[in-house]
N, C-alpha and C. Protein backbone atom coordinates (compact mmCIF):
# COMPACT_ATOMS: atom_id res chain seq x y z
N MET A 1 138.45 103.67 236.66
CA MET A 1 138.05 104.03 238.69
C MET A 1 138.37 105.07 238.96
N ILE A 2 139.71 105.86 238.94
CA ILE A 2 140.09 107.13 239.48
C ILE A 2 139.30 108.27 238.99
N ARG A 3 139.25 108.45 237.28
CA ARG A 3 138.40 109.15 237.02
C ARG A 3 136.70 109.07 237.23
N ALA A 4 136.42 108.00 237.45
CA ALA A 4 134.72 108.10 237.84
C ALA A 4 134.97 108.75 239.53
N ASP A 5 135.86 108.13 240.47
CA ASP A 5 136.39 108.54 241.85
C ASP A 5 135.83 110.26 242.00
N ILE A 6 136.66 110.69 240.93
CA ILE A 6 137.01 111.69 240.72
C ILE A 6 136.28 112.55 240.71
N ILE A 7 135.39 112.40 239.62
CA ILE A 7 134.27 112.75 239.29
C ILE A 7 133.15 112.96 240.11
N ALA A 8 133.38 112.02 241.09
CA ALA A 8 131.68 111.60 242.09
C ALA A 8 131.84 112.61 243.33
N GLY A 9 133.70 113.18 243.35
CA GLY A 9 133.96 113.88 244.06
C GLY A 9 134.51 113.12 245.28
N ARG A 10 134.88 111.61 245.43
CA ARG A 10 135.40 111.18 246.17
C ARG A 10 136.92 110.82 246.30
N HIS A 11 137.47 111.59 245.74
CA HIS A 11 138.63 112.11 245.44
C HIS A 11 138.45 113.89 245.31
N PRO A 12 138.72 114.53 246.99
CA PRO A 12 138.32 116.16 246.77
C PRO A 12 139.26 117.19 245.86
N ALA A 13 138.74 118.06 245.32
CA ALA A 13 139.78 118.98 244.72
C ALA A 13 140.90 119.65 245.93
N GLY A 14 142.06 119.41 244.90
CA GLY A 14 143.15 119.52 245.56
C GLY A 14 143.67 118.46 246.46
N GLY A 15 143.02 117.21 246.02
CA GLY A 15 143.32 115.91 247.12
C GLY A 15 144.59 115.62 246.49
N HIS A 16 145.55 114.68 247.09
CA HIS A 16 146.53 114.27 246.66
C HIS A 16 146.60 112.87 246.21
N LEU A 17 147.29 112.52 245.12
CA LEU A 17 146.69 111.14 244.47
C LEU A 17 148.00 110.23 244.76
N ARG A 18 148.08 109.63 245.56
CA ARG A 18 149.02 108.42 245.93
C ARG A 18 149.15 107.24 244.90
N GLU A 19 150.25 106.90 244.09
CA GLU A 19 150.19 106.13 243.24
C GLU A 19 150.42 104.55 244.08
N GLU A 20 150.92 104.61 244.99
CA GLU A 20 150.92 103.15 245.59
C GLU A 20 149.67 103.10 246.55
N GLN A 21 148.75 104.00 247.04
CA GLN A 21 147.64 103.86 247.56
C GLN A 21 146.30 103.42 246.64
N LEU A 22 146.37 103.99 245.11
CA LEU A 22 145.60 104.02 244.05
C LEU A 22 146.24 102.51 243.51
N ALA A 23 146.85 101.98 243.76
CA ALA A 23 147.46 100.58 242.92
C ALA A 23 146.88 99.63 243.95
N GLU A 24 147.11 99.72 245.24
CA GLU A 24 146.27 98.83 246.53
C GLU A 24 145.14 99.06 246.43
N ALA A 25 144.32 99.82 246.16
CA ALA A 25 143.09 100.00 246.17
C ALA A 25 142.33 99.31 245.08
N ILE A 26 142.86 99.66 243.91
CA ILE A 26 142.21 99.03 242.41
C ILE A 26 142.89 97.36 242.88
N GLY A 27 144.35 97.04 243.05
CA GLY A 27 144.72 96.07 242.82
C GLY A 27 145.34 95.70 241.66
N VAL A 28 146.30 96.65 241.22
CA VAL A 28 147.27 96.07 240.30
C VAL A 28 148.49 96.93 240.41
N SER A 29 149.45 97.02 239.75
CA SER A 29 150.95 97.54 239.80
C SER A 29 150.49 99.43 239.62
N ARG A 30 151.81 99.88 240.36
CA ARG A 30 151.92 101.40 240.16
C ARG A 30 152.12 101.61 238.28
N THR A 31 152.41 100.92 237.50
CA THR A 31 152.64 101.35 236.40
C THR A 31 151.08 101.58 235.10
N PRO A 32 149.92 100.96 235.78
CA PRO A 32 148.46 101.23 234.84
C PRO A 32 148.06 102.62 235.73
N VAL A 33 148.65 102.68 236.66
CA VAL A 33 148.04 103.97 237.88
C VAL A 33 149.01 104.73 237.09
N ARG A 34 150.12 105.02 237.08
CA ARG A 34 150.32 106.06 236.61
C ARG A 34 150.04 106.64 234.98
N GLU A 35 150.06 105.70 234.43
CA GLU A 35 149.28 105.93 232.95
C GLU A 35 148.44 106.15 232.82
N ALA A 36 147.14 105.90 233.95
CA ALA A 36 146.02 106.31 234.15
C ALA A 36 145.87 107.78 234.26
N LEU A 37 146.64 108.12 235.18
CA LEU A 37 147.06 109.72 236.15
C LEU A 37 147.71 110.69 234.75
N ARG A 38 148.34 109.82 234.12
CA ARG A 38 148.82 111.09 233.07
C ARG A 38 147.49 111.59 231.52
N ARG A 39 146.96 110.32 231.45
CA ARG A 39 145.28 110.64 230.78
C ARG A 39 144.52 111.35 231.44
N LEU A 40 144.74 111.31 233.22
CA LEU A 40 144.02 112.19 233.63
C LEU A 40 144.27 113.69 233.17
N ALA A 41 145.57 113.98 233.74
CA ALA A 41 146.45 115.09 233.91
C ALA A 41 145.38 115.57 232.10
N ALA A 42 145.83 114.68 230.85
CA ALA A 42 145.51 115.39 230.18
C ALA A 42 144.10 116.14 229.31
N GLU A 43 143.16 115.34 230.49
CA GLU A 43 142.26 115.66 230.72
C GLU A 43 141.55 117.11 231.10
N GLY A 44 142.33 117.56 232.24
CA GLY A 44 142.49 118.65 233.09
C GLY A 44 141.89 118.27 234.49
N LEU A 45 141.82 116.84 234.54
CA LEU A 45 141.14 116.43 235.96
C LEU A 45 141.86 116.60 237.36
N ILE A 46 143.40 116.22 236.62
CA ILE A 46 143.83 116.14 237.76
C ILE A 46 146.15 117.20 237.02
N LYS A 47 146.39 117.33 237.95
CA LYS A 47 147.41 118.00 237.82
C LYS A 47 148.69 117.47 238.50
N PHE A 48 150.33 117.79 237.64
CA PHE A 48 151.58 116.88 238.21
C PHE A 48 152.11 118.33 238.95
N VAL A 49 152.57 118.07 240.01
CA VAL A 49 153.34 119.04 240.74
C VAL A 49 155.06 119.03 241.13
N PRO A 50 155.94 119.24 240.76
CA PRO A 50 156.97 118.52 240.65
C PRO A 50 157.83 117.86 241.82
N ASN A 51 158.06 116.93 242.70
CA ASN A 51 158.75 116.27 243.71
C ASN A 51 157.42 116.80 244.34
N HIS A 52 156.08 116.30 243.93
CA HIS A 52 155.06 116.57 244.88
C HIS A 52 153.95 115.22 244.26
N GLY A 53 154.25 114.99 243.05
CA GLY A 53 153.08 114.31 243.17
C GLY A 53 152.05 114.95 241.93
N ALA A 54 150.48 113.81 241.92
CA ALA A 54 149.55 113.97 241.17
C ALA A 54 148.24 114.59 242.43
N PHE A 55 147.66 116.13 241.72
CA PHE A 55 146.96 116.42 242.82
C PHE A 55 145.33 116.50 241.75
N VAL A 56 144.34 116.48 242.66
CA VAL A 56 142.96 116.59 241.96
C VAL A 56 143.12 118.32 241.46
N ASN A 57 142.94 118.55 240.52
CA ASN A 57 142.44 120.29 239.70
C ASN A 57 141.39 120.61 240.76
N SER A 58 141.45 122.13 241.12
CA SER A 58 140.82 122.95 241.69
C SER A 58 140.96 124.33 241.16
N TRP A 59 139.56 125.02 241.35
CA TRP A 59 139.28 126.20 240.54
C TRP A 59 139.06 127.41 241.64
N SER A 60 139.32 128.10 241.54
CA SER A 60 139.20 129.31 242.54
C SER A 60 137.91 130.24 242.16
N ALA A 61 136.68 130.47 242.76
CA ALA A 61 135.50 131.43 242.70
C ALA A 61 135.83 132.37 241.66
N ASP A 62 136.81 132.96 241.60
CA ASP A 62 137.06 134.33 240.31
C ASP A 62 137.10 133.20 238.87
N ASP A 63 138.01 132.31 238.96
CA ASP A 63 138.23 130.96 238.36
C ASP A 63 136.80 130.93 237.50
N LEU A 64 136.01 130.50 238.28
CA LEU A 64 134.73 130.03 237.27
C LEU A 64 133.70 130.90 237.13
N ARG A 65 133.72 132.06 237.55
CA ARG A 65 132.97 133.00 237.42
C ARG A 65 133.40 133.25 235.97
N LYS A 66 134.86 133.46 235.66
CA LYS A 66 135.13 134.17 234.43
C LYS A 66 134.84 133.03 233.18
N ILE A 67 135.23 131.52 233.93
CA ILE A 67 134.83 130.22 232.52
C ILE A 67 133.61 130.27 232.23
N PHE A 68 132.66 130.41 233.16
CA PHE A 68 131.16 130.52 232.84
C PHE A 68 130.54 131.71 231.91
N ASP A 69 131.06 132.79 232.77
CA ASP A 69 130.80 133.94 231.61
C ASP A 69 131.22 133.85 230.26
N LEU A 70 132.30 133.45 229.78
CA LEU A 70 132.98 133.77 228.73
C LEU A 70 132.48 132.20 228.08
N ARG A 71 131.88 131.02 228.81
CA ARG A 71 131.48 130.28 228.16
C ARG A 71 129.80 130.40 227.43
N ALA A 72 129.27 131.22 227.96
CA ALA A 72 127.81 132.06 228.33
C ALA A 72 128.02 132.63 226.46
N LEU A 73 128.72 133.29 226.41
CA LEU A 73 128.78 134.36 225.38
C LEU A 73 129.38 133.02 224.14
N LEU A 74 130.27 132.55 224.26
CA LEU A 74 130.58 131.80 223.42
C LEU A 74 129.59 130.49 222.87
N GLU A 75 128.88 130.07 223.71
CA GLU A 75 128.05 128.89 223.15
C GLU A 75 126.86 129.67 222.77
N SER A 76 126.59 130.61 223.85
CA SER A 76 124.88 131.17 222.79
C SER A 76 125.04 131.99 221.70
N THR A 77 126.48 131.83 221.31
CA THR A 77 126.96 132.38 220.13
C THR A 77 126.51 131.36 218.80
N ALA A 78 127.59 129.98 219.61
CA ALA A 78 127.48 128.88 218.56
C ALA A 78 125.55 128.53 218.15
N ALA A 79 125.08 128.46 219.38
CA ALA A 79 123.58 127.78 219.06
C ALA A 79 122.82 129.26 218.19
N GLY A 80 123.20 130.37 218.47
CA GLY A 80 122.77 130.90 217.57
C GLY A 80 122.60 130.60 216.32
N GLN A 81 124.18 129.96 215.67
CA GLN A 81 124.79 130.13 214.35
C GLN A 81 124.56 128.65 214.04
N ALA A 82 123.63 127.88 215.10
CA ALA A 82 123.95 126.50 214.50
C ALA A 82 122.03 126.72 214.04
N ALA A 83 121.45 127.43 214.66
CA ALA A 83 119.96 126.72 214.52
C ALA A 83 119.64 126.78 212.90
N PRO A 84 119.99 127.87 212.21
CA PRO A 84 119.18 127.42 211.00
C PRO A 84 120.52 126.70 209.99
N ARG A 85 121.44 125.86 210.90
CA ARG A 85 121.87 124.78 209.53
C ARG A 85 121.55 123.59 210.30
N MET A 86 121.16 123.27 211.06
CA MET A 86 120.54 122.51 211.92
C MET A 86 119.44 121.31 211.21
N THR A 87 120.39 120.08 210.94
CA THR A 87 119.60 119.33 209.66
C THR A 87 118.65 118.51 210.29
N PRO A 88 117.65 118.11 210.06
CA PRO A 88 117.00 116.93 210.63
C PRO A 88 117.43 115.82 211.58
N GLN A 89 118.22 115.49 210.84
CA GLN A 89 119.44 113.98 211.39
C GLN A 89 119.96 114.47 212.89
N ALA A 90 120.42 115.54 212.79
CA ALA A 90 121.30 116.39 213.80
C ALA A 90 119.93 116.76 214.87
N ILE A 91 118.83 116.99 214.13
CA ILE A 91 118.09 116.97 215.31
C ILE A 91 117.54 115.75 215.97
N ASP A 92 116.96 114.80 215.35
CA ASP A 92 117.15 113.56 216.12
C ASP A 92 118.03 112.83 216.76
N ARG A 93 119.24 113.18 216.78
CA ARG A 93 120.25 113.00 217.79
C ARG A 93 120.19 113.78 218.75
N LEU A 94 119.94 114.64 218.56
CA LEU A 94 119.61 115.22 219.51
C LEU A 94 118.81 115.16 220.84
N ARG A 95 117.40 114.72 220.05
CA ARG A 95 116.35 114.24 220.78
C ARG A 95 117.19 112.82 221.62
N GLU A 96 117.65 111.80 220.75
CA GLU A 96 117.93 110.91 221.59
C GLU A 96 119.35 111.06 222.40
N LEU A 97 119.77 112.38 222.68
CA LEU A 97 120.71 112.15 223.38
C LEU A 97 120.04 112.71 224.80
N ALA A 98 118.78 113.83 224.56
CA ALA A 98 117.94 114.09 225.99
C ALA A 98 117.28 113.47 226.17
N ALA A 99 116.94 112.53 225.32
CA ALA A 99 116.11 111.25 226.13
C ALA A 99 116.89 110.79 226.84
N GLY A 100 118.21 110.34 226.53
CA GLY A 100 119.16 109.31 227.22
C GLY A 100 119.26 109.68 228.90
N MET A 101 119.46 111.19 228.69
CA MET A 101 119.69 111.73 229.91
C MET A 101 118.45 112.11 230.88
N VAL A 102 117.78 112.06 230.71
CA VAL A 102 116.10 111.87 231.14
C VAL A 102 116.07 110.98 232.43
N GLU A 103 116.12 109.60 231.23
CA GLU A 103 116.19 107.91 231.66
C GLU A 103 117.25 108.04 232.91
N LEU A 104 118.40 108.42 232.42
CA LEU A 104 119.25 108.60 233.78
C LEU A 104 119.21 109.05 235.06
N ALA A 105 118.69 110.03 234.59
CA ALA A 105 117.82 110.87 235.68
C ALA A 105 116.71 110.49 236.58
N ASP A 106 116.42 109.82 235.46
CA ASP A 106 115.11 108.69 236.44
C ASP A 106 115.48 107.47 237.36
N HIS A 107 116.13 107.17 236.80
CA HIS A 107 116.57 105.80 237.19
C HIS A 107 117.67 105.90 238.39
N ARG A 108 118.55 106.79 237.98
CA ARG A 108 119.53 107.43 239.26
C ARG A 108 120.53 106.11 239.67
N ALA A 109 121.00 104.85 238.47
CA ALA A 109 121.59 104.26 238.75
C ALA A 109 123.11 104.67 239.09
N GLU A 110 123.90 103.91 239.75
CA GLU A 110 125.09 103.77 240.23
C GLU A 110 125.75 104.79 238.77
N GLY A 111 126.84 105.70 238.79
CA GLY A 111 127.34 106.35 238.38
C GLY A 111 126.79 107.26 237.20
N TYR A 112 125.66 107.78 237.67
CA TYR A 112 124.45 108.13 236.68
C TYR A 112 124.69 109.33 236.24
N LEU A 113 125.46 110.20 237.12
CA LEU A 113 125.91 111.77 236.99
C LEU A 113 127.47 111.58 235.51
N GLU A 114 128.17 110.57 236.18
CA GLU A 114 128.97 110.69 235.38
C GLU A 114 128.45 110.71 233.40
N ARG A 115 127.69 109.43 233.28
CA ARG A 115 127.01 109.27 232.01
C ARG A 115 126.15 110.15 231.57
N ILE A 116 125.50 111.32 232.27
CA ILE A 116 124.78 112.40 231.56
C ILE A 116 125.99 113.14 231.42
N SER A 117 126.88 113.44 231.97
CA SER A 117 127.92 114.66 231.68
C SER A 117 128.00 114.12 230.13
N ASP A 118 128.71 112.90 230.12
CA ASP A 118 128.63 112.39 228.96
C ASP A 118 128.16 112.78 227.72
N LEU A 119 126.91 112.48 227.69
CA LEU A 119 126.05 113.01 227.16
C LEU A 119 125.55 113.82 226.68
N ASN A 120 125.93 114.51 227.83
CA ASN A 120 126.05 116.50 227.84
C ASN A 120 127.38 116.74 226.88
N ARG A 121 128.34 116.02 226.77
CA ARG A 121 129.01 116.58 225.92
C ARG A 121 128.61 116.54 224.72
N ALA A 122 128.13 115.33 224.04
CA ALA A 122 127.65 114.87 222.89
C ALA A 122 126.79 115.61 222.20
N PHE A 123 125.93 116.43 223.44
CA PHE A 123 124.46 117.21 222.77
C PHE A 123 125.26 118.64 222.26
N HIS A 124 126.42 119.12 223.48
CA HIS A 124 126.91 120.19 223.37
C HIS A 124 128.04 120.26 221.74
N ASP A 125 128.43 119.37 221.73
CA ASP A 125 129.75 118.78 220.82
C ASP A 125 128.91 119.21 218.96
N ILE A 126 127.77 118.69 219.01
CA ILE A 126 126.58 118.42 217.88
C ILE A 126 126.12 119.82 217.59
N ILE A 127 126.10 120.94 218.69
CA ILE A 127 125.56 122.18 218.36
C ILE A 127 126.95 122.95 217.82
N MET A 128 127.90 122.54 218.04
CA MET A 128 129.00 123.39 218.17
C MET A 128 129.33 122.81 216.91
N LYS A 129 129.29 121.32 216.36
CA LYS A 129 129.70 120.87 214.97
C LYS A 129 128.60 121.64 213.65
N THR A 130 127.74 122.07 214.45
CA THR A 130 126.60 122.52 213.19
C THR A 130 126.63 123.63 212.87
N ALA A 131 127.00 124.52 214.08
CA ALA A 131 127.82 125.92 214.19
C ALA A 131 128.61 126.67 212.50
N ASP A 132 129.64 125.36 212.58
CA ASP A 132 130.58 125.10 211.44
C ASP A 132 131.39 126.56 211.74
N ASN A 133 131.78 126.73 212.53
CA ASN A 133 132.68 128.09 212.93
C ASN A 133 133.92 127.74 213.64
N GLU A 134 134.92 127.51 212.59
CA GLU A 134 136.67 126.66 214.07
C GLU A 134 136.99 127.75 214.29
N ARG A 135 136.63 129.13 214.02
CA ARG A 135 137.52 129.94 215.15
C ARG A 135 136.73 130.26 216.64
N LEU A 136 135.10 130.32 216.31
CA LEU A 136 134.49 129.71 217.52
C LEU A 136 134.74 128.63 218.05
N SER A 137 134.55 127.48 217.53
CA SER A 137 134.82 125.92 217.99
C SER A 137 136.02 126.33 218.82
N GLY A 138 137.06 126.38 218.22
CA GLY A 138 139.01 126.49 218.86
C GLY A 138 138.70 127.20 219.98
N SER A 139 137.73 128.62 220.14
CA SER A 139 138.03 129.06 221.57
C SER A 139 136.92 128.75 222.22
N VAL A 140 135.67 127.98 221.86
CA VAL A 140 135.03 127.32 223.26
C VAL A 140 135.83 125.65 223.90
N VAL A 141 136.65 124.78 223.25
CA VAL A 141 137.62 124.44 223.18
C VAL A 141 138.92 124.81 224.12
N ARG A 142 138.92 126.10 223.93
CA ARG A 142 140.47 126.27 225.11
C ARG A 142 139.09 126.66 226.34
N THR A 143 138.28 126.97 226.26
CA THR A 143 137.64 128.24 226.88
C THR A 143 136.67 126.64 228.18
N ILE A 144 136.07 125.93 227.32
CA ILE A 144 135.49 124.91 228.45
C ILE A 144 136.47 124.16 228.95
N GLU A 145 136.26 124.14 230.33
CA GLU A 145 137.27 123.50 230.93
C GLU A 145 136.47 121.84 231.79
N PHE A 146 135.94 120.80 231.24
CA PHE A 146 135.41 119.58 230.97
C PHE A 146 135.30 119.16 232.88
N PRO A 147 136.23 119.11 233.20
CA PRO A 147 136.23 118.93 234.13
C PRO A 147 135.03 119.40 235.25
N ILE A 148 135.15 120.36 234.93
CA ILE A 148 134.09 121.39 235.74
C ILE A 148 132.79 121.36 235.21
N VAL A 149 132.70 120.82 234.28
CA VAL A 149 131.54 120.65 233.60
C VAL A 149 130.56 119.65 234.17
N HIS A 150 131.79 118.28 234.36
CA HIS A 150 131.19 116.91 235.65
C HIS A 150 131.09 117.63 236.89
N ARG A 151 132.08 118.43 237.23
CA ARG A 151 131.61 118.74 238.74
C ARG A 151 130.44 119.65 238.93
N THR A 152 130.09 120.41 238.07
CA THR A 152 128.35 121.27 238.19
C THR A 152 127.60 119.73 238.08
N PHE A 153 127.54 119.08 237.36
CA PHE A 153 126.54 118.14 237.52
C PHE A 153 126.91 117.41 239.02
N GLN A 154 127.41 117.43 239.55
CA GLN A 154 128.05 116.43 241.31
C GLN A 154 127.04 117.52 241.91
N ARG A 155 127.32 118.83 242.28
CA ARG A 155 126.68 120.27 242.66
C ARG A 155 125.09 120.05 241.78
N TYR A 156 124.65 119.79 241.40
CA TYR A 156 123.47 119.93 241.19
C TYR A 156 122.05 118.97 242.19
N ARG A 157 120.93 120.08 242.59
CA ARG A 157 119.99 119.27 243.47
C ARG A 157 118.83 118.58 242.25
N PRO A 158 117.62 117.91 242.81
CA PRO A 158 117.06 117.13 242.04
C PRO A 158 116.59 118.52 240.63
N ALA A 159 115.98 119.54 241.30
CA ALA A 159 115.60 120.43 240.87
C ALA A 159 116.58 121.35 239.40
N ASP A 160 117.81 121.30 240.07
CA ASP A 160 118.79 121.88 239.20
C ASP A 160 118.86 121.14 238.00
N LEU A 161 118.92 119.83 238.39
CA LEU A 161 119.46 118.73 237.38
C LEU A 161 117.84 118.59 235.92
N ARG A 162 117.06 118.90 236.61
CA ARG A 162 116.05 118.71 235.72
C ARG A 162 115.56 119.98 234.82
N ARG A 163 115.68 120.54 235.73
CA ARG A 163 116.18 122.35 234.46
C ARG A 163 117.09 122.38 233.47
N SER A 164 117.99 121.84 233.73
CA SER A 164 119.32 121.81 232.93
C SER A 164 118.64 121.18 231.73
N LEU A 165 118.17 119.61 231.94
CA LEU A 165 117.77 118.82 230.66
C LEU A 165 116.62 119.60 230.67
N ASN A 166 115.70 120.01 230.84
CA ASN A 166 114.46 120.77 230.29
C ASN A 166 114.99 121.73 229.24
N HIS A 167 116.36 122.91 229.72
CA HIS A 167 117.20 123.59 229.12
C HIS A 167 117.29 122.77 227.58
N HIS A 168 117.49 121.69 227.42
CA HIS A 168 117.79 120.56 226.41
C HIS A 168 116.92 120.38 225.68
N TRP A 169 115.77 120.28 226.11
CA TRP A 169 114.23 119.61 224.69
C TRP A 169 113.75 121.58 224.67
N GLU A 170 114.25 122.67 225.36
CA GLU A 170 113.54 123.82 224.78
C GLU A 170 114.97 123.80 223.85
N LEU A 171 116.31 123.97 223.65
CA LEU A 171 117.13 124.32 222.48
C LEU A 171 116.73 123.32 221.35
N ILE A 172 116.40 121.88 221.61
CA ILE A 172 115.65 121.16 220.44
C ILE A 172 114.64 121.57 219.71
N ASP A 173 113.63 122.34 220.64
CA ASP A 173 112.69 123.11 219.79
C ASP A 173 113.00 124.45 218.98
N ALA A 174 113.92 125.53 219.80
CA ALA A 174 114.08 126.56 219.13
C ALA A 174 115.19 125.71 217.74
N PHE A 175 116.11 124.79 217.70
CA PHE A 175 116.71 124.49 216.30
C PHE A 175 115.67 123.69 215.17
N GLU A 176 114.47 123.13 216.00
CA GLU A 176 113.48 122.90 214.97
C GLU A 176 112.61 124.15 214.57
N ALA A 177 112.52 125.07 214.86
CA ALA A 177 112.09 126.39 214.49
C ALA A 177 113.25 127.37 213.79
N ARG A 178 114.15 127.25 213.83
CA ARG A 178 115.57 127.42 213.26
C ARG A 178 115.16 128.65 213.66
N ASP A 179 115.38 129.01 214.57
CA ASP A 179 114.83 130.86 215.43
C ASP A 179 116.37 130.72 216.40
N ALA A 180 117.22 131.54 215.72
CA ALA A 180 118.62 131.88 216.13
C ALA A 180 118.57 132.71 217.53
N GLU A 181 117.53 133.43 217.78
CA GLU A 181 117.87 134.23 218.85
C GLU A 181 117.12 133.38 219.88
N TRP A 182 115.86 132.80 219.65
CA TRP A 182 115.95 131.97 220.59
C TRP A 182 116.64 130.51 221.48
N ALA A 183 117.02 130.29 220.13
CA ALA A 183 118.20 128.89 220.50
C ALA A 183 120.16 129.41 221.57
N SER A 184 120.08 131.08 221.03
CA SER A 184 121.19 132.22 221.59
C SER A 184 120.53 131.74 222.97
N ALA A 185 119.42 132.54 223.34
CA ALA A 185 118.89 133.06 224.65
C ALA A 185 118.89 131.86 225.43
N VAL A 186 118.04 130.57 224.91
CA VAL A 186 117.86 129.47 226.27
C VAL A 186 119.94 128.65 226.61
N MET A 187 120.66 129.10 225.33
CA MET A 187 122.04 128.40 225.63
C MET A 187 122.57 129.42 227.01
N ARG A 188 122.49 130.60 226.38
CA ARG A 188 122.61 131.43 227.64
C ARG A 188 122.38 131.55 228.79
N ALA A 189 120.64 131.52 229.12
CA ALA A 189 120.52 130.92 230.73
C ALA A 189 120.82 129.66 231.17
N HIS A 190 121.28 128.85 230.02
CA HIS A 190 121.80 127.44 230.42
C HIS A 190 122.92 127.38 230.77
N VAL A 191 123.77 127.74 230.61
CA VAL A 191 125.34 128.00 231.33
C VAL A 191 125.04 128.80 232.39
N LEU A 192 124.61 130.07 232.18
CA LEU A 192 124.67 130.80 233.91
C LEU A 192 123.78 130.03 234.87
N ALA A 193 122.63 129.33 234.45
CA ALA A 193 122.34 128.68 235.66
C ALA A 193 123.31 128.16 236.57
N ALA A 194 124.40 127.08 235.75
CA ALA A 194 125.08 125.80 235.93
C ALA A 194 125.85 126.98 237.09
N LYS A 195 126.28 127.89 236.33
CA LYS A 195 127.44 129.27 236.54
C LYS A 195 126.71 129.08 238.23
N HIS A 196 125.73 129.62 238.59
CA HIS A 196 125.24 129.34 239.55
C HIS A 196 124.73 128.54 240.77
N VAL A 197 125.02 127.67 240.26
CA VAL A 197 125.44 126.51 240.85
C VAL A 197 126.55 126.31 241.30
N MET A 198 127.47 126.65 240.69
CA MET A 198 128.87 126.03 241.11
C MET A 198 129.26 127.09 241.91
N LEU A 199 128.67 128.43 241.99
CA LEU A 199 129.47 129.43 242.61
C LEU A 199 128.74 129.27 244.09
N SER A 200 127.13 129.02 243.98
CA SER A 200 126.52 129.27 245.36
C SER A 200 126.79 127.90 246.01
N ARG A 201 127.61 126.85 245.19
CA ARG A 201 127.52 125.92 246.54
C ARG A 201 129.23 125.10 246.27
N SER A 202 130.17 126.26 246.37
CA SER A 202 131.03 125.83 246.20
C SER A 202 132.11 125.66 247.47
N PRO A 203 132.74 125.03 248.26
CA PRO A 203 133.03 125.17 249.42
C PRO A 203 133.60 126.54 250.11
N SER A 204 133.78 127.25 249.26
CA SER A 204 133.90 128.60 250.02
C SER A 204 132.38 128.99 250.57
N ALA A 205 131.32 129.19 250.02
CA ALA A 205 130.14 129.60 249.46
C ALA A 205 129.49 128.82 250.96
N GLY A 206 130.07 127.64 251.62
CA GLY A 206 129.67 126.91 252.79
C GLY A 206 128.36 125.83 252.09
N GLU A 207 128.99 125.68 250.57
CA GLU A 207 128.58 124.37 250.39
C GLU A 207 127.67 123.30 251.25
N GLY A 208 128.71 122.88 252.09
CA GLY A 208 127.90 122.07 253.39
C GLY A 208 127.11 122.02 254.21
N ASP A 209 126.68 122.96 254.90
CA ASP A 209 125.89 124.16 255.14
C ASP A 209 124.22 123.91 254.37
N ALA A 210 124.43 124.18 252.68
CA ALA A 210 123.16 124.37 251.78
C ALA A 210 123.20 123.27 251.60
N ALA A 211 124.06 122.18 251.77
CA ALA A 211 122.89 120.66 250.98
C ALA A 211 122.55 120.49 251.99
N ALA A 212 122.91 120.76 253.83
CA ALA A 212 121.70 120.26 254.45
C ALA A 212 120.90 120.72 254.50
N ALA A 213 120.46 121.65 254.11
CA ALA A 213 118.98 122.83 253.95
C ALA A 213 117.83 121.92 253.41
N PRO A 214 117.12 121.58 254.17
CA PRO A 214 115.55 120.83 253.07
C PRO A 214 115.55 121.43 251.92
N ARG A 215 115.00 120.97 251.25
CA ARG A 215 114.66 121.74 249.82
C ARG A 215 113.13 121.43 249.82
N PRO A 216 112.53 121.64 249.12
CA PRO A 216 111.15 121.32 248.71
C PRO A 216 111.11 119.86 247.66
N PRO A 217 110.33 119.22 247.25
CA PRO A 217 110.78 118.21 246.31
C PRO A 217 110.52 118.55 244.75
N ALA A 218 111.44 117.92 244.09
CA ALA A 218 111.71 118.95 242.42
C ALA A 218 110.25 118.71 241.90
N ARG A 219 109.62 120.12 241.31
CA ARG A 219 108.78 119.11 240.17
C ARG A 219 108.74 118.93 238.98
N ARG A 220 108.20 117.47 238.75
CA ARG A 220 108.97 116.32 237.69
C ARG A 220 108.34 117.22 236.90
N VAL A 221 109.47 117.39 235.41
CA VAL A 221 108.65 118.10 234.29
C VAL A 221 108.91 116.80 233.12
N LYS A 222 107.46 116.62 232.43
CA LYS A 222 108.46 115.52 231.26
C LYS A 222 107.67 115.98 230.27
N ARG A 223 108.62 115.41 229.26
CA ARG A 223 108.32 115.86 227.25
C ARG A 223 106.63 115.04 227.30
N PRO A 224 106.76 115.30 226.56
CA PRO A 224 105.44 114.30 225.75
C PRO A 224 105.42 113.44 225.41
N THR A 225 105.36 112.09 225.67
CA THR A 225 105.57 111.04 225.19
C THR A 225 106.35 110.87 224.02
N GLY A 226 105.84 111.63 222.65
CA GLY A 226 106.37 111.59 221.32
C GLY A 226 108.04 111.94 221.51
N ARG A 227 108.22 112.80 222.15
CA ARG A 227 109.45 113.18 222.28
C ARG A 227 110.60 112.53 222.65
N LEU A 228 110.39 111.16 223.78
CA LEU A 228 111.09 110.60 223.90
C LEU A 228 110.99 108.74 223.27
């Protein structure tokens, strides 16, 4: 519950997480709350400050820019290396994950963005595993801040989310074609589009005003029925 609330933005970046308040809100003792906070710290969602307690992690605009630029370089390389190695079984699994994300986005049930984020992580994990490059994989693990990925989905407007999900389908097309350059280019665009969302809609960039501004409805793009 604490994790879901952080990802959903109910505990804002930099917010103080007090054990006694969390325990009372959830209806448990402080011991399981303390254990949950330790797990969240291991995930990178929160940090402990000596003598002050737990706080929701935050990143500066410069941090985000550097993280996404490095991700674009590393993950596009991984996609290019994975393309000629992608098996039919792996492609089928990517299709299942992509279809699952589309279904969640269409229905928008409670917690759907968190579930999309989890499926997205599984999607990218398959690509990284297929690339079969331990050094590259290690660099990606050290670079990707999964809490940032979760928060990116929270900042997506409908058109942003649809574009991101369509990138997944185009990646699958590139993998089926075993086209390394195509896969690499799509992955780079995928990560850089997420970077733009995070930087343009951070609180320091006037996220509240941007969120309040009217937007035209997102044009819904569906894959052929056979894909789903």
